[in-house]
Amino acid sequence: MARTKQARPIERQTSSEYVSHQSPTLSAKRQHDVAHQSNGAVTKPAQAPIITKQDAGATQLVIAVAGIYGSFLTWAYLQEKLTTTPHGPPGKTELFKYPVFLNTIQSLFAATTGAMYLWFSTPKGSSVPPIIPSSRILMPLLLVALTSSLASPFGYASLAHIDYITFLLAKSCKLLPVMFLHITVFRKRYPLYKYMVVAAVTAGVAVFTLHSGKKSKGHGSSSAATERNSAWGLLLLGINLLFDGLTNSTQDYIFGAFQPYSGPQMMCANNLMSMAVMATYLVLSPWLVHTGIGEWLGMDIAGSAGELEDALAFMARYPSVWSDILGFAACGAIGQVFIFYTLSTFSSVLLVTVTVTRKMFTMMLSVVAFGHRLTQMQVLGVGLVFGGIGAEAAIARREKIAKEEAKRAAKAQAAKAQ
C-alpha cells in the first residue's frame, strides 16, 4: 500500500446517536480571522490553498461497507463462539471466562494496526504525527483507556446470566447511557424526537427481556432464581453501557478540544494505553485474588493463580481456541480501520447507516448460526429498538444533508461576492 496525500487529517465525526452534528472543519472565514488550536498548542493558521477532495466512487463505497460488515460480523460471531462454546468431556465442560486476557490481545493487534494506519495515512513528505501531541491530552486519553478497559469485563460477565441476543440488543442502545451522561454531567438538552427514540428503545429492550421465552415449568423458586439472574445480568450490562457512554463522550471531547487530532492517532494511543492498563491487571491478578479487592471484583472465576496463568492453562488444554482469539483480535483491529476509512472518505451519515444495519445483520447471524429462537413479542421488541434507532439515523441524515447544502450555498454566495 503506498502512502497517499490527503486533503486533511482523518477526523472522527461526532456520533449522531447522542449529540447533534457539527462540521468537523472550521469555516473559511474563521480559518482566516482567528487562531486555531492544534493538538493543544495555539497557532496561527497558515494561508494555504483550498484543496478539494475528489468524490469517492462506487469502488471505495463497496470496500468501506464490505470491510465493516465482513470484519464486525466475523468479530461478533467469534465473540459469541468464544463465550458460549463448552470445552472438555461431557460433565466436565468449561467455558472461556478470561475477558481481560482476550481484550489485551485485541488491544495489542489494534495498537499495531493503528500505528501502521497512521503511518500510511500521513501525507507523503510530512512527518508522522505523535499519538500524544501534548501533556494536556494525556489525562483524557487515560480516562478513555480506563473506561474502555473496565467496560468489557462487565459485558462478558453479563453473558453468564443473559443470552447473546439480549446482549446484542442492549449493546445497540448506547444512546441511552450517553444521553444520560450528557444531560446530567454536561447539562445538554436534546430535541423532542431524541427522547421519543429513547422511549422506543427502552420499551423494546423491556419487551424483549420480559418475553425471553425461558419461563420455568418447575417450582416457583426456580423461576424466581432465573428472573434474579436475568436482572443481575442486565445490571452488569447496564454498567458496561455506562462505561461505553463515558468512553464515547470523552473521545468526542478529545476530538473537539485537540484538533486536528485524528482517528489513527486515537486508535493507536487508546489501544496502547488500554493494553498497558489491562496488562498491569493481569500481572497483579495473582496477588489481587488473595485480597479483599479481588473478592469484591469477583475474581474467583479466575481461580487462585490469577487470570493470566489460568487463561494460558486453558489455552494449553484447548489449543484450538487460539485461532478464535487471534481471529477475534484481528477482526476488531481491521474493523476500526474501516470505520476511520469510511469517515475520511465519505461521511458520518453513511457510517451511521452502515452501523445500524450491521447490528441487525449481527443479530440475524447469531439467530441462524447458534440456533436462537425468538418469540413474537421478542420480534416486536427488536422492531421497536431498531425502528427507533433507524428513525433517529434517518432524521440525522436529513439534518446532515441540509447542513451540507447550506454550506455549499454559502460558499457559492461568497464566491459570487468576490
Protein backbone atom coordinates (compact mmCIF):
# COMPACT_ATOMS: atom_id res chain seq x y z
CA MET A 1 0.00 0.00 0.00
CA ALA A 2 1.52 3.37 -1.00
CA ARG A 3 1.35 6.44 1.17
CA THR A 4 -1.09 8.83 -0.43
CA LYS A 5 -1.56 12.51 0.10
CA GLN A 6 -4.70 13.58 1.95
CA ALA A 7 -6.52 16.86 1.84
CA ARG A 8 -6.81 17.00 5.62
CA PRO A 9 -6.18 14.73 8.57
CA ILE A 10 -8.72 12.00 9.26
CA GLU A 11 -11.10 13.08 11.99
CA ARG A 12 -13.72 11.20 13.96
CA GLN A 13 -17.14 12.71 13.35
CA THR A 14 -19.26 13.03 16.45
CA SER A 15 -21.75 10.18 16.61
CA SER A 16 -25.29 11.08 15.60
CA GLU A 17 -26.62 8.66 18.19
CA TYR A 18 -26.29 11.11 21.04
CA VAL A 19 -25.17 14.59 20.01
CA SER A 20 -26.13 16.99 17.30
CA HIS A 21 -23.90 17.03 14.21
CA GLN A 22 -21.23 19.65 13.87
CA SER A 23 -18.97 20.29 10.93
CA PRO A 24 -15.58 18.70 11.51
CA THR A 25 -13.78 21.61 9.85
CA LEU A 26 -13.77 25.31 10.54
CA SER A 27 -15.37 27.70 8.11
CA ALA A 28 -13.13 29.52 5.69
CA LYS A 29 -13.81 32.86 7.37
CA ARG A 30 -12.89 31.53 10.81
CA GLN A 31 -9.69 30.00 9.46
CA HIS A 32 -8.54 33.43 8.27
CA ASP A 33 -9.82 35.52 11.17
CA VAL A 34 -8.80 33.64 14.28
CA ALA A 35 -6.06 31.40 15.55
CA HIS A 36 -6.93 27.76 15.93
CA GLN A 37 -5.83 25.07 18.34
CA SER A 38 -3.53 22.33 17.02
CA ASN A 39 -3.15 19.37 19.38
CA GLY A 40 -3.19 21.60 22.42
CA ALA A 41 -0.93 24.34 21.02
CA VAL A 42 -2.32 27.65 19.81
CA THR A 43 -1.02 28.51 16.36
CA LYS A 44 -1.86 30.95 13.62
CA PRO A 45 -3.40 29.29 10.57
CA ALA A 46 -1.21 29.32 7.52
CA GLN A 47 -2.53 30.76 4.29
CA ALA A 48 -2.93 27.62 2.20
CA PRO A 49 -4.85 26.98 -0.98
CA ILE A 50 -8.15 25.19 -0.62
CA ILE A 51 -7.81 21.56 -1.64
CA THR A 52 -10.98 19.91 -2.77
CA LYS A 53 -11.34 16.21 -2.15
CA GLN A 54 -12.45 14.21 -5.15
CA ASP A 55 -15.75 12.41 -4.84
CA ALA A 56 -15.32 8.81 -3.79
CA GLY A 57 -16.52 6.29 -6.32
CA ALA A 58 -18.51 3.08 -6.10
CA THR A 59 -15.35 1.03 -5.59
CA GLN A 60 -14.44 2.88 -2.39
CA LEU A 61 -18.03 2.57 -1.19
CA VAL A 62 -18.04 -1.19 -1.72
CA ILE A 63 -14.66 -1.51 0.03
CA ALA A 64 -15.83 0.53 3.04
CA VAL A 65 -19.17 -1.22 3.51
CA ALA A 66 -17.80 -4.72 2.82
CA GLY A 67 -14.90 -4.08 5.19
CA ILE A 68 -17.15 -3.01 8.07
CA TYR A 69 -19.67 -5.80 7.51
CA GLY A 70 -17.07 -8.50 6.98
CA SER A 71 -14.84 -7.62 9.91
CA PHE A 72 -17.50 -6.89 12.52
CA LEU A 73 -19.88 -9.71 11.58
CA THR A 74 -16.97 -12.13 11.89
CA TRP A 75 -15.88 -10.40 15.11
CA ALA A 76 -19.36 -10.81 16.64
CA TYR A 77 -19.58 -14.45 15.53
CA LEU A 78 -16.22 -15.26 17.14
CA GLN A 79 -17.19 -13.34 20.29
CA GLU A 80 -20.31 -15.46 20.80
CA LYS A 81 -18.45 -18.64 19.91
CA LEU A 82 -15.69 -17.88 22.41
CA THR A 83 -18.01 -17.05 25.29
CA THR A 84 -20.67 -19.74 24.81
CA THR A 85 -18.90 -22.84 23.43
CA PRO A 86 -18.25 -25.51 26.11
CA HIS A 87 -14.91 -27.30 26.04
CA GLY A 88 -13.94 -30.62 27.55
CA PRO A 89 -15.59 -34.02 28.06
CA PRO A 90 -19.32 -34.27 28.90
CA GLY A 91 -19.97 -33.50 32.53
CA LYS A 92 -16.68 -31.63 32.90
CA THR A 93 -17.10 -28.88 30.37
CA GLU A 94 -15.76 -25.38 30.91
CA LEU A 95 -16.18 -22.03 29.20
CA PHE A 96 -13.67 -19.37 28.25
CA LYS A 97 -14.00 -16.76 31.03
CA TYR A 98 -10.98 -14.54 30.62
CA PRO A 99 -12.19 -11.22 29.16
CA VAL A 100 -9.20 -9.12 30.23
CA PHE A 101 -6.78 -11.58 28.64
CA LEU A 102 -8.87 -11.55 25.44
CA ASN A 103 -9.04 -7.76 25.26
CA THR A 104 -5.33 -7.36 25.99
CA ILE A 105 -4.57 -9.38 22.87
CA GLN A 106 -7.12 -7.39 20.87
CA SER A 107 -5.60 -4.09 22.07
CA LEU A 108 -2.15 -5.32 21.00
CA PHE A 109 -3.46 -6.09 17.50
CA ALA A 110 -5.37 -2.79 17.29
CA ALA A 111 -2.42 -0.69 18.50
CA THR A 112 -0.13 -2.30 15.92
CA THR A 113 -2.70 -1.89 13.16
CA GLY A 114 -3.38 1.70 14.24
CA ALA A 115 0.33 2.55 14.08
CA MET A 116 0.54 1.14 10.54
CA TYR A 117 -2.62 3.01 9.53
CA LEU A 118 -1.25 6.26 10.98
CA TRP A 119 1.99 5.83 9.00
CA PHE A 120 0.27 5.02 5.72
CA SER A 121 -2.34 7.81 6.09
CA THR A 122 0.27 10.51 6.75
CA PRO A 123 0.67 12.75 3.68
CA LYS A 124 3.81 11.98 1.69
CA GLY A 125 6.70 14.19 2.72
CA SER A 126 5.18 15.01 6.13
CA SER A 127 6.32 13.66 9.48
CA VAL A 128 4.13 11.12 11.25
CA PRO A 129 2.15 12.98 13.96
CA PRO A 130 2.76 11.86 17.56
CA ILE A 131 0.00 9.85 19.21
CA ILE A 132 0.32 12.03 22.35
CA PRO A 133 0.97 15.53 20.96
CA SER A 134 0.77 17.38 24.30
CA SER A 135 0.68 16.69 28.03
CA ARG A 136 -2.84 18.16 28.24
CA ILE A 137 -4.28 15.30 26.23
CA LEU A 138 -2.74 12.63 28.44
CA MET A 139 -5.42 12.58 31.16
CA PRO A 140 -8.40 12.39 28.76
CA LEU A 141 -6.67 9.56 26.89
CA LEU A 142 -6.02 7.76 30.17
CA LEU A 143 -9.70 8.14 31.09
CA VAL A 144 -10.68 6.59 27.74
CA ALA A 145 -8.28 3.71 28.35
CA LEU A 146 -9.64 3.09 31.85
CA THR A 147 -13.32 3.25 30.92
CA SER A 148 -12.91 1.07 27.81
CA SER A 149 -10.88 -1.46 29.83
CA LEU A 150 -13.47 -1.56 32.61
CA ALA A 151 -16.47 -1.81 30.28
CA SER A 152 -15.59 -5.12 28.67
CA PRO A 153 -15.38 -7.38 31.77
CA PHE A 154 -18.85 -6.26 32.86
CA GLY A 155 -20.21 -7.05 29.40
CA TYR A 156 -18.70 -10.53 29.34
CA ALA A 157 -19.83 -11.21 32.92
CA SER A 158 -23.42 -10.38 31.92
CA LEU A 159 -23.37 -13.21 29.35
CA ALA A 160 -23.39 -15.71 32.23
CA HIS A 161 -26.92 -14.52 33.09
CA ILE A 162 -28.47 -13.39 29.78
CA ASP A 163 -28.37 -14.79 26.25
CA TYR A 164 -26.32 -13.27 23.45
CA ILE A 165 -29.35 -11.89 21.60
CA THR A 166 -30.29 -9.80 24.65
CA PHE A 167 -26.66 -8.72 24.88
CA LEU A 168 -26.63 -7.61 21.23
CA LEU A 169 -29.93 -5.78 21.55
CA ALA A 170 -28.84 -3.85 24.62
CA LYS A 171 -25.45 -3.02 23.06
CA SER A 172 -27.38 -1.38 20.23
CA CYS A 173 -28.80 1.09 22.77
CA LYS A 174 -25.71 3.14 23.64
CA LEU A 175 -27.90 6.18 23.02
CA LEU A 176 -29.43 5.79 26.50
CA PRO A 177 -26.38 5.97 28.80
CA VAL A 178 -24.62 8.55 26.62
CA MET A 179 -27.65 10.85 26.62
CA PHE A 180 -27.92 10.34 30.38
CA LEU A 181 -24.29 11.42 30.82
CA HIS A 182 -24.69 14.46 28.57
CA ILE A 183 -27.86 15.56 30.36
CA THR A 184 -26.56 15.07 33.91
CA VAL A 185 -22.86 15.94 33.51
CA PHE A 186 -22.74 18.34 30.56
CA ARG A 187 -26.24 19.86 31.09
CA LYS A 188 -27.10 19.33 27.43
CA ARG A 189 -30.65 19.42 26.11
CA TYR A 190 -31.99 17.42 23.18
CA PRO A 191 -34.86 17.85 20.71
CA LEU A 192 -38.13 16.04 21.39
CA TYR A 193 -37.54 13.27 18.83
CA LYS A 194 -34.39 12.15 20.72
CA TYR A 195 -36.46 11.48 23.84
CA MET A 196 -39.03 9.63 21.73
CA VAL A 197 -36.26 7.44 20.33
CA VAL A 198 -35.10 6.70 23.89
CA ALA A 199 -38.65 5.75 24.86
CA ALA A 200 -38.98 3.39 21.87
CA VAL A 201 -35.59 1.77 22.52
CA THR A 202 -36.27 1.36 26.24
CA ALA A 203 -39.69 -0.18 25.55
CA GLY A 204 -38.15 -2.53 23.00
CA VAL A 205 -35.48 -3.80 25.39
CA ALA A 206 -38.08 -4.23 28.17
CA VAL A 207 -40.47 -6.18 25.91
CA PHE A 208 -37.65 -8.38 24.62
CA THR A 209 -36.36 -9.16 28.12
CA LEU A 210 -39.78 -9.81 29.69
CA HIS A 211 -40.65 -12.28 26.90
CA SER A 212 -37.39 -14.17 26.82
CA GLY A 213 -39.18 -17.49 26.34
CA LYS A 214 -37.39 -19.09 29.31
CA LYS A 215 -40.33 -19.47 31.63
CA SER A 216 -39.78 -22.28 34.05
CA LYS A 217 -42.36 -25.05 34.35
CA GLY A 218 -40.94 -26.21 37.66
CA HIS A 219 -41.14 -24.76 41.12
CA GLY A 220 -41.68 -21.07 41.66
CA SER A 221 -38.31 -20.76 43.39
CA SER A 222 -36.54 -21.86 40.19
CA SER A 223 -38.43 -19.28 38.14
CA ALA A 224 -37.61 -16.57 40.69
CA ALA A 225 -33.93 -17.53 40.61
CA THR A 226 -33.93 -17.25 36.81
CA GLU A 227 -35.51 -13.80 36.99
CA ARG A 228 -32.95 -12.68 39.58
CA ASN A 229 -30.12 -13.91 37.35
CA SER A 230 -31.56 -12.03 34.37
CA ALA A 231 -31.88 -8.87 36.45
CA TRP A 232 -28.27 -9.23 37.62
CA GLY A 233 -27.13 -9.77 34.03
CA LEU A 234 -28.97 -6.64 32.87
CA LEU A 235 -27.40 -4.66 35.73
CA LEU A 236 -23.92 -5.79 34.68
CA LEU A 237 -24.75 -4.93 31.07
CA GLY A 238 -26.05 -1.52 32.16
CA ILE A 239 -22.69 -0.81 33.87
CA ASN A 240 -20.96 -1.87 30.65
CA LEU A 241 -23.09 0.56 28.62
CA LEU A 242 -22.42 3.35 31.12
CA PHE A 243 -18.67 2.91 30.73
CA ASP A 244 -19.13 2.78 26.95
CA GLY A 245 -21.03 6.05 27.11
CA LEU A 246 -18.30 7.69 29.17
CA THR A 247 -15.70 6.42 26.70
CA ASN A 248 -17.57 7.88 23.71
CA SER A 249 -18.23 11.21 25.45
CA THR A 250 -14.56 11.58 26.38
CA GLN A 251 -13.46 10.72 22.84
CA ASP A 252 -15.80 13.40 21.48
CA TYR A 253 -14.22 15.89 23.90
CA ILE A 254 -10.72 14.93 22.74
CA PHE A 255 -11.53 15.33 19.05
CA GLY A 256 -13.19 18.68 19.72
CA ALA A 257 -10.57 20.16 22.10
CA PHE A 258 -7.37 18.90 20.48
CA GLN A 259 -7.94 19.45 16.76
CA PRO A 260 -6.63 18.20 14.40
CA TYR A 261 -6.21 15.01 16.46
CA SER A 262 -7.02 12.21 14.03
CA GLY A 263 -8.67 8.82 14.18
CA PRO A 264 -5.47 6.82 13.62
CA GLN A 265 -3.75 8.76 16.42
CA MET A 266 -6.65 7.96 18.76
CA MET A 267 -6.75 4.33 17.68
CA CYS A 268 -3.06 3.83 18.37
CA ALA A 269 -2.91 5.80 21.63
CA ASN A 270 -6.13 4.39 23.09
CA ASN A 271 -5.19 0.78 22.41
CA LEU A 272 -1.64 1.18 23.68
CA MET A 273 -2.83 2.70 26.96
CA SER A 274 -5.66 0.16 27.31
CA MET A 275 -3.17 -2.65 26.76
CA ALA A 276 -0.92 -1.20 29.46
CA VAL A 277 -3.83 -0.95 31.93
CA MET A 278 -5.05 -4.50 31.28
CA ALA A 279 -1.53 -5.99 31.26
CA THR A 280 -0.94 -4.41 34.68
CA TYR A 281 -4.13 -6.04 35.93
CA LEU A 282 -3.09 -9.43 34.55
CA VAL A 283 0.33 -9.20 36.24
CA LEU A 284 -1.22 -8.17 39.57
CA SER A 285 -4.17 -10.60 39.44
CA PRO A 286 -2.41 -13.45 41.34
CA TRP A 287 -1.89 -11.06 44.25
CA LEU A 288 -5.34 -9.47 43.98
CA VAL A 289 -7.03 -12.89 44.15
CA HIS A 290 -5.95 -13.27 47.76
CA THR A 291 -7.09 -9.81 48.85
CA GLY A 292 -10.45 -8.31 49.70
CA ILE A 293 -10.23 -6.30 46.49
CA GLY A 294 -10.09 -9.49 44.44
CA GLU A 295 -13.14 -10.92 46.19
CA TRP A 296 -15.06 -7.69 45.65
CA LEU A 297 -14.13 -7.78 41.94
CA GLY A 298 -15.40 -11.35 41.67
CA MET A 299 -12.02 -12.74 40.67
CA ASP A 300 -12.87 -16.19 42.00
CA ILE A 301 -13.81 -17.21 38.43
CA ALA A 302 -10.12 -16.99 37.51
CA GLY A 303 -9.03 -19.31 40.31
CA SER A 304 -6.19 -18.75 42.75
CA ALA A 305 -3.48 -18.35 40.11
CA GLY A 306 -4.87 -15.18 38.55
CA GLU A 307 -6.44 -14.63 35.15
CA LEU A 308 -3.25 -14.66 33.08
CA GLU A 309 -1.98 -18.02 34.31
CA ASP A 310 -5.42 -19.60 34.21
CA ALA A 311 -6.06 -18.29 30.69
CA LEU A 312 -2.75 -19.71 29.44
CA ALA A 313 -3.54 -23.04 31.11
CA PHE A 314 -6.96 -23.07 29.42
CA MET A 315 -5.29 -22.41 26.06
CA ALA A 316 -2.83 -25.24 26.71
CA ARG A 317 -5.73 -27.63 27.33
CA TYR A 318 -7.69 -26.44 24.30
CA PRO A 319 -5.16 -25.02 21.78
CA SER A 320 -7.81 -24.78 19.05
CA VAL A 321 -9.26 -21.74 20.88
CA TRP A 322 -6.16 -19.76 19.90
CA SER A 323 -7.44 -19.44 16.31
CA ASP A 324 -10.71 -17.91 17.55
CA ILE A 325 -8.89 -15.47 19.83
CA LEU A 326 -6.46 -14.33 17.16
CA GLY A 327 -9.25 -14.05 14.60
CA PHE A 328 -11.35 -12.05 17.06
CA ALA A 329 -8.46 -9.65 17.73
CA ALA A 330 -7.62 -9.26 14.03
CA CYS A 331 -11.23 -8.59 13.01
CA GLY A 332 -11.64 -5.97 15.75
CA ALA A 333 -8.47 -4.15 14.67
CA ILE A 334 -9.30 -4.25 10.95
CA GLY A 335 -12.87 -3.14 11.65
CA GLN A 336 -11.62 0.01 13.39
CA VAL A 337 -9.51 0.86 10.34
CA PHE A 338 -12.51 0.53 8.02
CA ILE A 339 -14.57 2.79 10.32
CA PHE A 340 -11.97 5.56 10.13
CA TYR A 341 -11.56 4.96 6.39
CA THR A 342 -15.32 5.41 5.94
CA LEU A 343 -15.31 8.63 7.95
CA SER A 344 -12.40 10.07 5.98
CA THR A 345 -13.63 9.01 2.54
CA PHE A 346 -17.37 9.57 2.93
CA SER A 347 -19.14 10.97 6.00
CA SER A 348 -20.65 10.02 9.32
CA VAL A 349 -24.06 9.78 7.60
CA LEU A 350 -23.00 6.65 5.72
CA LEU A 351 -21.30 5.26 8.82
CA VAL A 352 -24.46 5.60 10.92
CA THR A 353 -26.48 3.80 8.24
CA VAL A 354 -23.93 1.00 7.95
CA THR A 355 -23.67 0.68 11.74
CA VAL A 356 -27.43 0.34 12.27
CA THR A 357 -27.82 -2.26 9.52
CA ARG A 358 -24.70 -4.09 10.66
CA LYS A 359 -26.20 -4.54 14.13
CA MET A 360 -29.36 -6.01 12.62
CA PHE A 361 -27.34 -8.39 10.45
CA THR A 362 -25.28 -9.38 13.51
CA MET A 363 -28.43 -10.38 15.36
CA MET A 364 -29.70 -12.33 12.34
CA LEU A 365 -26.33 -14.11 12.08
CA SER A 366 -26.50 -15.06 15.75
CA VAL A 367 -30.01 -16.47 15.35
CA VAL A 368 -29.00 -18.55 12.32
CA ALA A 369 -25.55 -19.68 13.44
CA PHE A 370 -26.34 -20.54 17.06
CA GLY A 371 -29.99 -21.63 16.81
CA HIS A 372 -31.60 -18.89 18.90
CA ARG A 373 -35.39 -18.74 18.78
CA LEU A 374 -37.34 -15.50 19.10
CA THR A 375 -40.92 -15.27 20.28
CA GLN A 376 -43.38 -12.94 18.55
CA MET A 377 -43.10 -10.44 21.39
CA GLN A 378 -39.31 -10.54 21.16
CA VAL A 379 -39.56 -9.76 17.45
CA LEU A 380 -41.74 -6.79 18.42
CA GLY A 381 -39.08 -5.68 20.91
CA VAL A 382 -36.37 -5.92 18.25
CA GLY A 383 -38.57 -3.91 15.90
CA LEU A 384 -39.04 -1.15 18.49
CA VAL A 385 -35.31 -0.91 19.15
CA PHE A 386 -34.13 -0.83 15.55
CA GLY A 387 -37.16 1.20 14.49
CA GLY A 388 -36.19 3.88 17.00
CA ILE A 389 -32.51 3.77 16.06
CA GLY A 390 -33.36 3.78 12.35
CA ALA A 391 -35.70 6.77 12.73
CA GLU A 392 -33.00 8.66 14.63
CA ALA A 393 -30.46 7.85 11.92
CA ALA A 394 -32.86 8.97 9.17
CA ILE A 395 -33.53 12.30 10.89
CA ALA A 396 -29.81 12.78 11.48
CA ARG A 397 -29.13 12.04 7.82
CA ARG A 398 -31.71 14.62 6.71
CA GLU A 399 -30.21 17.23 9.07
CA LYS A 400 -26.69 16.47 7.87
CA ILE A 401 -27.65 16.78 4.20
CA ALA A 402 -29.44 20.07 4.91
CA LYS A 403 -26.34 21.45 6.64
CA GLU A 404 -24.07 20.38 3.80
CA GLU A 405 -26.37 22.01 1.23
CA ALA A 406 -26.48 25.21 3.28
CA LYS A 407 -22.68 25.18 3.49
CA ARG A 408 -22.33 24.75 -0.27
CA ALA A 409 -24.84 27.55 -0.88
CA ALA A 410 -22.91 29.84 1.47
CA LYS A 411 -19.62 29.05 -0.32
CA ALA A 412 -21.21 29.70 -3.71
CA GLN A 413 -22.63 33.02 -2.49
CA ALA A 414 -19.26 34.03 -1.06
CA ALA A 415 -17.56 33.15 -4.36
CA LYS A 416 -20.02 35.34 -6.28
CA ALA A 417 -19.47 38.23 -3.87
CA GLN A 418 -15.73 38.12 -4.57
